[in-house]
Amino acid sequence: MSDEPTAVEFHIEDHPDPLDIDVLETQIRHEASAAMGLGGEADLAIFVRDAGTVVAGISGWTWGNCCELQSLWVEPSLRGRGLATRLLAAAEAEAAARGCSQTVHFTYAFQARALYERNGYELVGCVEDFPSGTDVLWYRKRLKGCADRR
């Protein structure tokens, strides 16, 4: 066996196949689960549909007694009716039912900052000027009924 590194090619893709992205995410999840001994990650998604079309929803995952909410969206014509707050509450309830003690959500300063703060989330991290002209924010909320496991 040679000590020389194997030649590899890098392929930059602007529109990667979602199945290829799934390979990366699956491998990272598998290795993280094995390293931490916390069991597998479980997806969490709640949708509002109108005639089969998604008009609002929230999605993320639970793992190791934690929940990350990654996407929250409400069709613009349905905003201002409390739907986002109800979706957050439903996701938090499901996370708590799965044994989660906290949930986190990543958002941008120009988006729904007030929504999270109004619903009991605390700002725990910020990267300024990401992307240029706004800030990226990390919010956390401790879930009621679950012991603090720090």
Protein backbone atom coordinates (compact mmCIF):
# COMPACT_ATOMS: atom_id res chain seq x y z
CA MET A 1 0.00 0.00 0.00
CA SER A 2 1.34 3.41 -0.96
CA ASP A 3 1.77 6.26 1.51
CA GLU A 4 0.76 8.74 -1.19
CA PRO A 5 -2.66 10.34 -0.82
CA THR A 6 -5.30 9.11 -3.20
CA ALA A 7 -6.23 11.64 -5.85
CA VAL A 8 -9.77 12.92 -5.44
CA GLU A 9 -11.88 15.25 -7.49
CA PHE A 10 -14.14 17.89 -5.99
CA HIS A 11 -17.43 18.51 -7.76
CA ILE A 12 -19.04 21.86 -6.99
CA GLU A 13 -22.80 21.70 -7.54
CA ASP A 14 -25.20 24.63 -7.44
CA HIS A 15 -28.21 22.32 -7.58
CA PRO A 16 -27.25 19.08 -5.81
CA ASP A 17 -29.54 16.07 -5.90
CA PRO A 18 -31.55 16.04 -2.62
CA LEU A 19 -30.74 12.33 -2.32
CA ASP A 20 -27.03 13.17 -2.24
CA ILE A 21 -27.64 15.69 0.55
CA ASP A 22 -29.60 12.98 2.39
CA VAL A 23 -26.50 10.74 2.24
CA LEU A 24 -24.49 13.39 4.10
CA GLU A 25 -27.20 14.03 6.68
CA THR A 26 -27.84 10.33 7.25
CA GLN A 27 -24.15 9.60 7.80
CA ILE A 28 -23.73 12.54 10.20
CA ARG A 29 -26.82 11.46 12.16
CA HIS A 30 -25.63 7.85 12.30
CA GLU A 31 -22.16 8.80 13.54
CA ALA A 32 -23.51 11.33 16.06
CA SER A 33 -25.97 8.77 17.44
CA ALA A 34 -23.22 6.18 17.78
CA ALA A 35 -20.81 8.63 19.41
CA MET A 36 -23.34 10.02 21.88
CA GLY A 37 -25.28 6.84 22.62
CA LEU A 38 -28.55 8.78 22.60
CA GLY A 39 -30.48 6.74 20.09
CA GLY A 40 -31.71 7.84 16.72
CA GLU A 41 -33.03 11.18 15.60
CA ALA A 42 -36.73 11.42 14.80
CA ASP A 43 -38.22 13.92 12.37
CA LEU A 44 -41.04 16.14 13.58
CA ALA A 45 -43.39 17.91 11.16
CA ILE A 46 -46.82 19.50 11.51
CA PHE A 47 -48.65 20.82 8.45
CA VAL A 48 -51.78 22.84 7.73
CA ARG A 49 -53.25 21.89 4.36
CA ASP A 50 -55.91 23.43 2.18
CA ALA A 51 -57.25 21.01 -0.45
CA GLY A 52 -54.06 18.98 -0.04
CA THR A 53 -51.69 21.94 -0.49
CA VAL A 54 -49.42 22.90 2.40
CA VAL A 55 -50.33 26.44 3.51
CA ALA A 56 -48.42 26.43 6.81
CA GLY A 57 -46.18 24.17 8.78
CA ILE A 58 -43.30 23.62 11.13
CA SER A 59 -40.59 20.99 10.93
CA GLY A 60 -37.47 19.86 12.69
CA TRP A 61 -36.29 16.86 14.65
CA THR A 62 -35.88 15.47 18.15
CA TRP A 63 -32.82 13.71 19.49
CA GLY A 64 -31.20 13.27 22.87
CA ASN A 65 -34.03 14.94 24.78
CA CYS A 66 -33.74 18.05 22.60
CA CYS A 67 -35.71 19.46 19.70
CA GLU A 68 -34.51 21.65 16.87
CA LEU A 69 -37.22 23.43 14.94
CA GLN A 70 -35.74 24.19 11.55
CA SER A 71 -38.56 25.57 9.42
CA LEU A 72 -41.69 27.53 10.28
CA TRP A 73 -43.75 29.03 7.47
CA VAL A 74 -47.25 30.42 7.07
CA GLU A 75 -48.77 31.42 3.71
CA PRO A 76 -48.77 35.24 3.66
CA SER A 77 -52.56 35.48 3.32
CA LEU A 78 -52.94 33.50 6.57
CA ARG A 79 -50.50 35.51 8.68
CA GLY A 80 -51.62 37.63 11.62
CA ARG A 81 -54.16 35.04 12.83
CA GLY A 82 -52.00 33.30 15.45
CA LEU A 83 -51.27 30.29 13.27
CA ALA A 84 -47.48 30.47 13.78
CA THR A 85 -47.95 30.65 17.56
CA ARG A 86 -50.26 27.62 17.44
CA LEU A 87 -47.78 25.68 15.28
CA LEU A 88 -44.97 26.49 17.73
CA ALA A 89 -47.12 25.35 20.66
CA ALA A 90 -48.04 22.10 18.89
CA ALA A 91 -44.39 21.37 18.07
CA GLU A 92 -43.34 22.13 21.65
CA ALA A 93 -46.07 19.83 23.00
CA GLU A 94 -44.94 17.01 20.70
CA ALA A 95 -41.29 17.58 21.66
CA ALA A 96 -42.20 17.46 25.36
CA ALA A 97 -44.22 14.27 24.75
CA ARG A 98 -41.05 12.79 23.22
CA GLY A 99 -39.14 13.66 26.41
CA CYS A 100 -37.44 16.83 25.21
CA SER A 101 -36.44 19.38 27.84
CA GLN A 102 -35.71 22.19 25.41
CA THR A 103 -36.15 23.35 21.86
CA VAL A 104 -34.01 25.62 19.73
CA HIS A 105 -34.74 27.55 16.56
CA PHE A 106 -32.46 29.33 14.12
CA THR A 107 -33.87 32.40 12.36
CA TYR A 108 -32.84 35.73 10.92
CA ALA A 109 -33.32 39.14 12.55
CA PHE A 110 -35.51 40.32 9.65
CA GLN A 111 -37.89 37.36 10.07
CA ALA A 112 -39.96 36.35 13.09
CA ARG A 113 -37.80 37.57 15.97
CA ALA A 114 -40.81 39.01 17.84
CA LEU A 115 -42.73 35.75 17.42
CA TYR A 116 -40.13 33.74 19.31
CA GLU A 117 -39.64 36.32 22.04
CA ARG A 118 -43.41 36.64 22.53
CA ASN A 119 -43.61 32.87 22.93
CA GLY A 120 -40.99 32.53 25.65
CA TYR A 121 -37.83 31.90 23.61
CA GLU A 122 -34.58 33.43 24.81
CA LEU A 123 -31.88 34.63 22.46
CA VAL A 124 -28.78 32.48 23.11
CA GLY A 125 -26.63 33.27 20.10
CA CYS A 126 -26.17 35.78 17.32
CA VAL A 127 -23.83 36.07 14.35
CA GLU A 128 -23.92 39.64 13.11
CA ASP A 129 -24.06 40.54 9.44
CA PHE A 130 -24.95 36.98 8.35
CA PRO A 131 -26.01 37.20 5.64
CA SER A 132 -24.88 40.70 4.84
CA GLY A 133 -27.41 43.23 6.14
CA THR A 134 -29.00 41.12 8.87
CA ASP A 135 -28.09 38.84 11.76
CA VAL A 136 -28.61 35.13 12.30
CA LEU A 137 -30.19 34.30 15.67
CA TRP A 138 -30.41 31.17 17.82
CA TYR A 139 -33.33 30.96 20.22
CA ARG A 140 -33.94 28.42 22.99
CA LYS A 141 -36.95 27.59 25.10
CA ARG A 142 -36.97 25.27 28.08
CA LEU A 143 -40.03 23.08 27.90
CA LYS A 144 -42.36 22.84 30.89
CA GLY A 145 -42.88 19.49 32.49
CA CYS A 146 -39.40 18.26 31.65
CA ALA A 147 -36.53 18.25 34.10
CA ASP A 148 -33.57 20.50 33.34
CA ARG A 149 -30.88 17.99 32.39
CA ARG A 150 -27.82 20.25 32.51
